[in-house]
Amino acid sequence: MGRRRRRKVIRTFRRTIPKVYTCPQCGKRTVTVQMIKEANIAHVACGTCKISGDITLSEGMTAVDAYCTWYDEAISGKRLEELKQGNLGEG
């Protein structure tokens, strides 16, 4: 007697949006983004080197978009000095 073969279930895994990002200054994966919807800003900060900045949110922006905007500004060099100087008084 033969038996029926069970069909193999194919599972698809969806990648999730990360919550921790890479720092442009120190290269470690310790950057977090805090979305403050009431003030319409996103606070982006590195936990290791303490570099941080605020990004004004546009309509429909997510945490990834805020991180990318902040990263571009930090890499371009024009805001990197401001970000470093702003953290000297905090810590």
PDB file of N, CA and C in Angstrom:
ATOM      1  N   MET A   1       0.843  -1.170   0.000  1.00  0.00           N
ATOM      2  CA  MET A   1       0.000   0.000   0.000  1.00  0.00           C
ATOM      3  C   MET A   1       0.889   1.234   0.000  1.00  0.00           C
ATOM      4  N   GLY A   2       0.532   2.122  -0.846  1.00  0.00           N
ATOM      5  CA  GLY A   2       1.266   3.386  -0.916  1.00  0.00           C
ATOM      6  C   GLY A   2       0.636   4.432   0.001  1.00  0.00           C
ATOM      7  N   ARG A   3       1.369   5.395   0.324  1.00  0.00           N
ATOM      8  CA  ARG A   3       0.813   6.470   1.136  1.00  0.00           C
ATOM      9  C   ARG A   3       0.971   7.789   0.393  1.00  0.00           C
ATOM     10  N   ARG A   4       0.202   8.760   0.818  1.00  0.00           N
ATOM     11  CA  ARG A   4       0.277  10.061   0.179  1.00  0.00           C
ATOM     12  C   ARG A   4       1.506  10.816   0.672  1.00  0.00           C
ATOM     13  N   ARG A   5       2.141  11.476  -0.235  1.00  0.00           N
ATOM     14  CA  ARG A   5       3.288  12.284   0.140  1.00  0.00           C
ATOM     15  C   ARG A   5       2.805  13.676   0.529  1.00  0.00           C
ATOM     16  N   ARG A   6       3.382  14.153   1.589  1.00  0.00           N
ATOM     17  CA  ARG A   6       3.007  15.483   2.063  1.00  0.00           C
ATOM     18  C   ARG A   6       3.818  16.536   1.298  1.00  0.00           C
ATOM     19  N   ARG A   7       3.140  17.573   0.881  1.00  0.00           N
ATOM     20  CA  ARG A   7       3.805  18.635   0.142  1.00  0.00           C
ATOM     21  C   ARG A   7       4.606  19.508   1.110  1.00  0.00           C
ATOM     22  N   LYS A   8       5.841  19.827   0.748  1.00  0.00           N
ATOM     23  CA  LYS A   8       6.709  20.612   1.600  1.00  0.00           C
ATOM     24  C   LYS A   8       6.248  22.072   1.614  1.00  0.00           C
ATOM     25  N   VAL A   9       6.165  22.649   2.794  1.00  0.00           N
ATOM     26  CA  VAL A   9       5.741  24.030   2.933  1.00  0.00           C
ATOM     27  C   VAL A   9       6.940  24.938   2.698  1.00  0.00           C
ATOM     28  N   ILE A  10       6.787  25.874   1.781  1.00  0.00           N
ATOM     29  CA  ILE A  10       7.861  26.815   1.479  1.00  0.00           C
ATOM     30  C   ILE A  10       7.601  28.088   2.279  1.00  0.00           C
ATOM     31  N   ARG A  11       8.548  28.414   3.149  1.00  0.00           N
ATOM     32  CA  ARG A  11       8.389  29.598   3.981  1.00  0.00           C
ATOM     33  C   ARG A  11       9.237  30.727   3.413  1.00  0.00           C
ATOM     34  N   THR A  12       8.651  31.899   3.351  1.00  0.00           N
ATOM     35  CA  THR A  12       9.392  33.073   2.924  1.00  0.00           C
ATOM     36  C   THR A  12       9.635  33.948   4.141  1.00  0.00           C
ATOM     37  N   PHE A  13      10.874  34.357   4.314  1.00  0.00           N
ATOM     38  CA  PHE A  13      11.239  35.192   5.449  1.00  0.00           C
ATOM     39  C   PHE A  13      11.363  36.632   4.981  1.00  0.00           C
ATOM     40  N   ARG A  14      10.692  37.505   5.691  1.00  0.00           N
ATOM     41  CA  ARG A  14      10.771  38.921   5.378  1.00  0.00           C
ATOM     42  C   ARG A  14      11.798  39.575   6.278  1.00  0.00           C
ATOM     43  N   ARG A  15      12.641  40.387   5.677  1.00  0.00           N
ATOM     44  CA  ARG A  15      13.627  41.113   6.463  1.00  0.00           C
ATOM     45  C   ARG A  15      12.934  42.274   7.163  1.00  0.00           C
ATOM     46  N   THR A  16      13.326  42.514   8.405  1.00  0.00           N
ATOM     47  CA  THR A  16      12.744  43.608   9.158  1.00  0.00           C
ATOM     48  C   THR A  16      13.650  44.836   9.071  1.00  0.00           C
ATOM     49  N   ILE A  17      13.077  45.987   9.310  1.00  0.00           N
ATOM     50  CA  ILE A  17      13.850  47.224   9.311  1.00  0.00           C
ATOM     51  C   ILE A  17      14.681  47.258  10.579  1.00  0.00           C
ATOM     52  N   PRO A  18      15.984  47.537  10.466  1.00  0.00           N
ATOM     53  CA  PRO A  18      16.831  47.517  11.664  1.00  0.00           C
ATOM     54  C   PRO A  18      16.511  48.665  12.611  1.00  0.00           C
ATOM     55  N   LYS A  19      16.841  48.483  13.880  1.00  0.00           N
ATOM     56  CA  LYS A  19      16.637  49.507  14.894  1.00  0.00           C
ATOM     57  C   LYS A  19      17.958  50.133  15.329  1.00  0.00           C
ATOM     58  N   VAL A  20      19.075  49.499  14.990  1.00  0.00           N
ATOM     59  CA  VAL A  20      20.404  49.992  15.335  1.00  0.00           C
ATOM     60  C   VAL A  20      21.209  50.106  14.037  1.00  0.00           C
ATOM     61  N   TYR A  21      21.926  51.222  13.886  1.00  0.00           N
ATOM     62  CA  TYR A  21      22.623  51.512  12.635  1.00  0.00           C
ATOM     63  C   TYR A  21      24.116  51.714  12.867  1.00  0.00           C
ATOM     64  N   THR A  22      24.873  51.857  11.770  1.00  0.00           N
ATOM     65  CA  THR A  22      26.322  52.026  11.827  1.00  0.00           C
ATOM     66  C   THR A  22      26.676  53.509  11.926  1.00  0.00           C
ATOM     67  N   CYS A  23      27.655  53.819  12.756  1.00  0.00           N
ATOM     68  CA  CYS A  23      28.101  55.198  12.968  1.00  0.00           C
ATOM     69  C   CYS A  23      29.093  55.600  11.876  1.00  0.00           C
ATOM     70  N   PRO A  24      28.954  56.812  11.309  1.00  0.00           N
ATOM     71  CA  PRO A  24      29.898  57.246  10.279  1.00  0.00           C
ATOM     72  C   PRO A  24      31.266  57.636  10.846  1.00  0.00           C
ATOM     73  N   GLN A  25      31.338  57.940  12.135  1.00  0.00           N
ATOM     74  CA  GLN A  25      32.606  58.374  12.721  1.00  0.00           C
ATOM     75  C   GLN A  25      33.419  57.202  13.263  1.00  0.00           C
ATOM     76  N   CYS A  26      32.810  56.388  14.144  1.00  0.00           N
ATOM     77  CA  CYS A  26      33.572  55.306  14.782  1.00  0.00           C
ATOM     78  C   CYS A  26      33.415  53.955  14.072  1.00  0.00           C
ATOM     79  N   GLY A  27      32.399  53.813  13.228  1.00  0.00           N
ATOM     80  CA  GLY A  27      32.213  52.583  12.466  1.00  0.00           C
ATOM     81  C   GLY A  27      31.528  51.457  13.227  1.00  0.00           C
ATOM     82  N   LYS A  28      31.126  51.702  14.458  1.00  0.00           N
ATOM     83  CA  LYS A  28      30.451  50.663  15.240  1.00  0.00           C
ATOM     84  C   LYS A  28      28.950  50.748  15.033  1.00  0.00           C
ATOM     85  N   ARG A  29      28.287  49.676  15.335  1.00  0.00           N
ATOM     86  CA  ARG A  29      26.847  49.590  15.119  1.00  0.00           C
ATOM     87  C   ARG A  29      26.114  49.961  16.404  1.00  0.00           C
ATOM     88  N   THR A  30      26.113  51.255  16.722  1.00  0.00           N
ATOM     89  CA  THR A  30      25.523  51.715  17.976  1.00  0.00           C
ATOM     90  C   THR A  30      24.674  52.965  17.814  1.00  0.00           C
ATOM     91  N   VAL A  31      24.264  53.297  16.594  1.00  0.00           N
ATOM     92  CA  VAL A  31      23.461  54.502  16.364  1.00  0.00           C
ATOM     93  C   VAL A  31      21.985  54.156  16.501  1.00  0.00           C
ATOM     94  N   THR A  32      21.276  54.948  17.323  1.00  0.00           N
ATOM     95  CA  THR A  32      19.840  54.770  17.500  1.00  0.00           C
ATOM     96  C   THR A  32      19.108  56.030  17.058  1.00  0.00           C
ATOM     97  N   VAL A  33      17.861  55.862  16.656  1.00  0.00           N
ATOM     98  CA  VAL A  33      17.039  56.981  16.199  1.00  0.00           C
ATOM     99  C   VAL A  33      15.793  57.046  17.079  1.00  0.00           C
ATOM    100  N   GLN A  34      15.565  58.223  17.683  1.00  0.00           N
ATOM    101  CA  GLN A  34      14.359  58.444  18.484  1.00  0.00           C
ATOM    102  C   GLN A  34      13.471  59.412  17.724  1.00  0.00           C
ATOM    103  N   MET A  35      12.288  58.955  17.352  1.00  0.00           N
ATOM    104  CA  MET A  35      11.342  59.787  16.620  1.00  0.00           C
ATOM    105  C   MET A  35      10.483  60.554  17.626  1.00  0.00           C
ATOM    106  N   ILE A  36      10.475  61.871  17.539  1.00  0.00           N
ATOM    107  CA  ILE A  36       9.651  62.726  18.399  1.00  0.00           C
ATOM    108  C   ILE A  36       8.636  63.398  17.481  1.00  0.00           C
ATOM    109  N   LYS A  37       7.479  62.774  17.341  1.00  0.00           N
ATOM    110  CA  LYS A  37       6.477  63.229  16.379  1.00  0.00           C
ATOM    111  C   LYS A  37       5.855  64.564  16.784  1.00  0.00           C
ATOM    112  N   GLU A  38       5.714  64.822  18.099  1.00  0.00           N
ATOM    113  CA  GLU A  38       5.090  66.066  18.550  1.00  0.00           C
ATOM    114  C   GLU A  38       5.914  67.277  18.125  1.00  0.00           C
ATOM    115  N   ALA A  39       7.242  67.164  18.232  1.00  0.00           N
ATOM    116  CA  ALA A  39       8.143  68.256  17.878  1.00  0.00           C
ATOM    117  C   ALA A  39       8.569  68.192  16.407  1.00  0.00           C
ATOM    118  N   ASN A  40       8.174  67.129  15.712  1.00  0.00           N
ATOM    119  CA  ASN A  40       8.476  66.918  14.301  1.00  0.00           C
ATOM    120  C   ASN A  40       9.984  66.818  14.042  1.00  0.00           C
ATOM    121  N   ILE A  41      10.704  66.139  14.957  1.00  0.00           N
ATOM    122  CA  ILE A  41      12.132  65.924  14.786  1.00  0.00           C
ATOM    123  C   ILE A  41      12.485  64.474  15.090  1.00  0.00           C
ATOM    124  N   ALA A  42      13.674  64.079  14.644  1.00  0.00           N
ATOM    125  CA  ALA A  42      14.238  62.768  14.975  1.00  0.00           C
ATOM    126  C   ALA A  42      15.611  63.011  15.574  1.00  0.00           C
ATOM    127  N   HIS A  43      15.865  62.437  16.748  1.00  0.00           N
ATOM    128  CA  HIS A  43      17.159  62.574  17.404  1.00  0.00           C
ATOM    129  C   HIS A  43      17.975  61.323  17.102  1.00  0.00           C
ATOM    130  N   VAL A  44      19.117  61.524  16.429  1.00  0.00           N
ATOM    131  CA  VAL A  44      19.996  60.429  16.028  1.00  0.00           C
ATOM    132  C   VAL A  44      21.267  60.537  16.854  1.00  0.00           C
ATOM    133  N   ALA A  45      21.663  59.443  17.541  1.00  0.00           N
ATOM    134  CA  ALA A  45      22.835  59.500  18.417  1.00  0.00           C
ATOM    135  C   ALA A  45      23.580  58.176  18.410  1.00  0.00           C
ATOM    136  N   CYS A  46      24.923  58.273  18.517  1.00  0.00           N
ATOM    137  CA  CYS A  46      25.781  57.095  18.628  1.00  0.00           C
ATOM    138  C   CYS A  46      26.059  56.845  20.105  1.00  0.00           C
ATOM    139  N   GLY A  47      25.959  55.621  20.531  1.00  0.00           N
ATOM    140  CA  GLY A  47      26.197  55.272  21.924  1.00  0.00           C
ATOM    141  C   GLY A  47      27.664  55.152  22.274  1.00  0.00           C
ATOM    142  N   THR A  48      28.538  55.001  21.293  1.00  0.00           N
ATOM    143  CA  THR A  48      29.956  54.829  21.557  1.00  0.00           C
ATOM    144  C   THR A  48      30.717  56.153  21.553  1.00  0.00           C
ATOM    145  N   CYS A  49      30.675  56.866  20.431  1.00  0.00           N
ATOM    146  CA  CYS A  49      31.462  58.096  20.303  1.00  0.00           C
ATOM    147  C   CYS A  49      30.656  59.343  20.663  1.00  0.00           C
ATOM    148  N   LYS A  50      29.390  59.188  20.991  1.00  0.00           N
ATOM    149  CA  LYS A  50      28.506  60.267  21.459  1.00  0.00           C
ATOM    150  C   LYS A  50      28.223  61.343  20.419  1.00  0.00           C
ATOM    151  N   ILE A  51      28.423  61.066  19.140  1.00  0.00           N
ATOM    152  CA  ILE A  51      28.055  62.015  18.099  1.00  0.00           C
ATOM    153  C   ILE A  51      26.538  61.955  17.950  1.00  0.00           C
ATOM    154  N   SER A  52      25.901  63.124  17.781  1.00  0.00           N
ATOM    155  CA  SER A  52      24.444  63.134  17.689  1.00  0.00           C
ATOM    156  C   SER A  52      23.984  64.308  16.857  1.00  0.00           C
ATOM    157  N   GLY A  53      22.696  64.307  16.531  1.00  0.00           N
ATOM    158  CA  GLY A  53      22.114  65.395  15.771  1.00  0.00           C
ATOM    159  C   GLY A  53      20.619  65.244  15.677  1.00  0.00           C
ATOM    160  N   ASP A  54      19.954  66.328  15.344  1.00  0.00           N
ATOM    161  CA  ASP A  54      18.509  66.337  15.172  1.00  0.00           C
ATOM    162  C   ASP A  54      18.176  66.570  13.709  1.00  0.00           C
ATOM    163  N   ILE A  55      17.201  65.826  13.207  1.00  0.00           N
ATOM    164  CA  ILE A  55      16.763  65.935  11.827  1.00  0.00           C
ATOM    165  C   ILE A  55      15.298  66.341  11.827  1.00  0.00           C
ATOM    166  N   THR A  56      14.957  67.342  11.019  1.00  0.00           N
ATOM    167  CA  THR A  56      13.562  67.748  10.884  1.00  0.00           C
ATOM    168  C   THR A  56      12.847  66.726  10.015  1.00  0.00           C
ATOM    169  N   LEU A  57      11.706  66.252  10.493  1.00  0.00           N
ATOM    170  CA  LEU A  57      10.970  65.216   9.783  1.00  0.00           C
ATOM    171  C   LEU A  57      10.067  65.815   8.715  1.00  0.00           C
ATOM    172  N   SER A  58      10.037  65.186   7.558  1.00  0.00           N
ATOM    173  CA  SER A  58       9.091  65.517   6.510  1.00  0.00           C
ATOM    174  C   SER A  58       7.917  64.547   6.627  1.00  0.00           C
ATOM    175  N   GLU A  59       6.906  64.784   5.851  1.00  0.00           N
ATOM    176  CA  GLU A  59       5.735  63.914   5.903  1.00  0.00           C
ATOM    177  C   GLU A  59       6.090  62.531   5.359  1.00  0.00           C
ATOM    178  N   GLY A  60       5.796  61.510   6.136  1.00  0.00           N
ATOM    179  CA  GLY A  60       6.036  60.139   5.704  1.00  0.00           C
ATOM    180  C   GLY A  60       7.435  59.623   5.975  1.00  0.00           C
ATOM    181  N   MET A  61       8.273  60.379   6.660  1.00  0.00           N
ATOM    182  CA  MET A  61       9.631  59.922   6.962  1.00  0.00           C
ATOM    183  C   MET A  61       9.607  58.868   8.059  1.00  0.00           C
ATOM    184  N   THR A  62      10.468  57.872   7.916  1.00  0.00           N
ATOM    185  CA  THR A  62      10.607  56.842   8.928  1.00  0.00           C
ATOM    186  C   THR A  62      11.972  56.993   9.596  1.00  0.00           C
ATOM    187  N   ALA A  63      12.274  56.100  10.536  1.00  0.00           N
ATOM    188  CA  ALA A  63      13.551  56.151  11.243  1.00  0.00           C
ATOM    189  C   ALA A  63      14.723  55.924  10.287  1.00  0.00           C
ATOM    190  N   VAL A  64      14.543  55.063   9.311  1.00  0.00           N
ATOM    191  CA  VAL A  64      15.596  54.788   8.337  1.00  0.00           C
ATOM    192  C   VAL A  64      15.880  56.038   7.501  1.00  0.00           C
ATOM    193  N   ASP A  65      14.833  56.750   7.107  1.00  0.00           N
ATOM    194  CA  ASP A  65      15.014  57.973   6.329  1.00  0.00           C
ATOM    195  C   ASP A  65      15.750  59.038   7.132  1.00  0.00           C
ATOM    196  N   ALA A  66      15.407  59.164   8.414  1.00  0.00           N
ATOM    197  CA  ALA A  66      16.078  60.136   9.280  1.00  0.00           C
ATOM    198  C   ALA A  66      17.549  59.768   9.443  1.00  0.00           C
ATOM    199  N   TYR A  67      17.838  58.489   9.627  1.00  0.00           N
ATOM    200  CA  TYR A  67      19.228  58.038   9.755  1.00  0.00           C
ATOM    201  C   TYR A  67      20.004  58.341   8.483  1.00  0.00           C
ATOM    202  N   CYS A  68      19.432  58.064   7.321  1.00  0.00           N
ATOM    203  CA  CYS A  68      20.125  58.296   6.048  1.00  0.00           C
ATOM    204  C   CYS A  68      20.418  59.777   5.843  1.00  0.00           C
ATOM    205  N   THR A  69      19.474  60.637   6.202  1.00  0.00           N
ATOM    206  CA  THR A  69      19.685  62.080   6.079  1.00  0.00           C
ATOM    207  C   THR A  69      20.813  62.526   6.999  1.00  0.00           C
ATOM    208  N   TRP A  70      20.780  62.059   8.241  1.00  0.00           N
ATOM    209  CA  TRP A  70      21.820  62.394   9.217  1.00  0.00           C
ATOM    210  C   TRP A  70      23.181  61.861   8.771  1.00  0.00           C
ATOM    211  N   TYR A  71      23.220  60.655   8.266  1.00  0.00           N
ATOM    212  CA  TYR A  71      24.451  60.033   7.797  1.00  0.00           C
ATOM    213  C   TYR A  71      25.060  60.843   6.654  1.00  0.00           C
ATOM    214  N   ASP A  72      24.225  61.267   5.700  1.00  0.00           N
ATOM    215  CA  ASP A  72      24.715  62.058   4.572  1.00  0.00           C
ATOM    216  C   ASP A  72      25.313  63.381   5.048  1.00  0.00           C
ATOM    217  N   GLU A  73      24.655  64.025   6.010  1.00  0.00           N
ATOM    218  CA  GLU A  73      25.166  65.288   6.546  1.00  0.00           C
ATOM    219  C   GLU A  73      26.470  65.067   7.303  1.00  0.00           C
ATOM    220  N   ALA A  74      26.572  63.984   8.034  1.00  0.00           N
ATOM    221  CA  ALA A  74      27.784  63.700   8.798  1.00  0.00           C
ATOM    222  C   ALA A  74      28.947  63.346   7.879  1.00  0.00           C
ATOM    223  N   ILE A  75      28.692  62.608   6.825  1.00  0.00           N
ATOM    224  CA  ILE A  75      29.735  62.201   5.887  1.00  0.00           C
ATOM    225  C   ILE A  75      30.227  63.386   5.067  1.00  0.00           C
ATOM    226  N   SER A  76      29.333  64.298   4.728  1.00  0.00           N
ATOM    227  CA  SER A  76      29.723  65.421   3.879  1.00  0.00           C
ATOM    228  C   SER A  76      30.753  66.312   4.553  1.00  0.00           C
ATOM    229  N   GLY A  77      30.856  66.253   5.883  1.00  0.00           N
ATOM    230  CA  GLY A  77      31.881  66.996   6.590  1.00  0.00           C
ATOM    231  C   GLY A  77      31.426  68.351   7.080  1.00  0.00           C
ATOM    232  N   LYS A  78      30.390  68.905   6.477  1.00  0.00           N
ATOM    233  CA  LYS A  78      29.965  70.234   6.895  1.00  0.00           C
ATOM    234  C   LYS A  78      29.311  70.218   8.267  1.00  0.00           C
ATOM    235  N   ARG A  79      28.660  69.121   8.633  1.00  0.00           N
ATOM    236  CA  ARG A  79      28.021  69.058   9.940  1.00  0.00           C
ATOM    237  C   ARG A  79      28.832  68.262  10.935  1.00  0.00           C
ATOM    238  N   LEU A  80      29.855  67.557  10.500  1.00  0.00           N
ATOM    239  CA  LEU A  80      30.614  66.703  11.401  1.00  0.00           C
ATOM    240  C   LEU A  80      31.304  67.530  12.479  1.00  0.00           C
ATOM    241  N   GLU A  81      31.861  68.675  12.120  1.00  0.00           N
ATOM    242  CA  GLU A  81      32.500  69.535  13.109  1.00  0.00           C
ATOM    243  C   GLU A  81      31.476  70.104  14.088  1.00  0.00           C
ATOM    244  N   GLU A  82      30.293  70.488  13.585  1.00  0.00           N
ATOM    245  CA  GLU A  82      29.236  71.005  14.458  1.00  0.00           C
ATOM    246  C   GLU A  82      28.781  69.933  15.437  1.00  0.00           C
ATOM    247  N   LEU A  83      28.642  68.710  14.938  1.00  0.00           N
ATOM    248  CA  LEU A  83      28.180  67.614  15.787  1.00  0.00           C
ATOM    249  C   LEU A  83      29.209  67.320  16.875  1.00  0.00           C
ATOM    250  N   LYS A  84      30.490  67.360  16.523  1.00  0.00           N
ATOM    251  CA  LYS A  84      31.537  67.103  17.524  1.00  0.00           C
ATOM    252  C   LYS A  84      31.567  68.201  18.569  1.00  0.00           C
ATOM    253  N   GLN A  85      31.469  69.466  18.136  1.00  0.00           N
ATOM    254  CA  GLN A  85      31.513  70.581  19.070  1.00  0.00           C
ATOM    255  C   GLN A  85      30.288  70.596  19.975  1.00  0.00           C
ATOM    256  N   GLY A  86      29.134  70.223  19.456  1.00  0.00           N
ATOM    257  CA  GLY A  86      27.909  70.217  20.246  1.00  0.00           C
ATOM    258  C   GLY A  86      27.946  69.203  21.367  1.00  0.00           C
ATOM    259  N   ASN A  87      28.713  68.131  21.206  1.00  0.00           N
ATOM    260  CA  ASN A  87      28.769  67.090  22.230  1.00  0.00           C
ATOM    261  C   ASN A  87      29.783  67.368  23.310  1.00  0.00           C
ATOM    262  N   LEU A  88      30.702  68.292  23.088  1.00  0.00           N
ATOM    263  CA  LEU A  88      31.704  68.580  24.116  1.00  0.00           C
ATOM    264  C   LEU A  88      31.056  69.191  25.352  1.00  0.00           C
ATOM    265  N   GLY A  89      30.025  70.001  25.181  1.00  0.00           N
ATOM    266  CA  GLY A  89      29.369  70.637  26.304  1.00  0.00           C
ATOM    267  C   GLY A  89      28.417  69.706  27.052  1.00  0.00           C
ATOM    268  N   GLU A  90      27.955  68.640  26.397  1.00  0.00           N
ATOM    269  CA  GLU A  90      26.972  67.739  27.004  1.00  0.00           C
ATOM    270  C   GLU A  90      27.594  66.794  28.015  1.00  0.00           C
ATOM    271  N   GLY A  91      28.760  66.252  27.693  1.00  0.00           N
ATOM    272  CA  GLY A  91      29.269  65.127  28.417  1.00  0.00           C
ATOM    273  C   GLY A  91      30.084  65.397  29.565  1.00  0.00           C
TER     274      GLY A  91
END
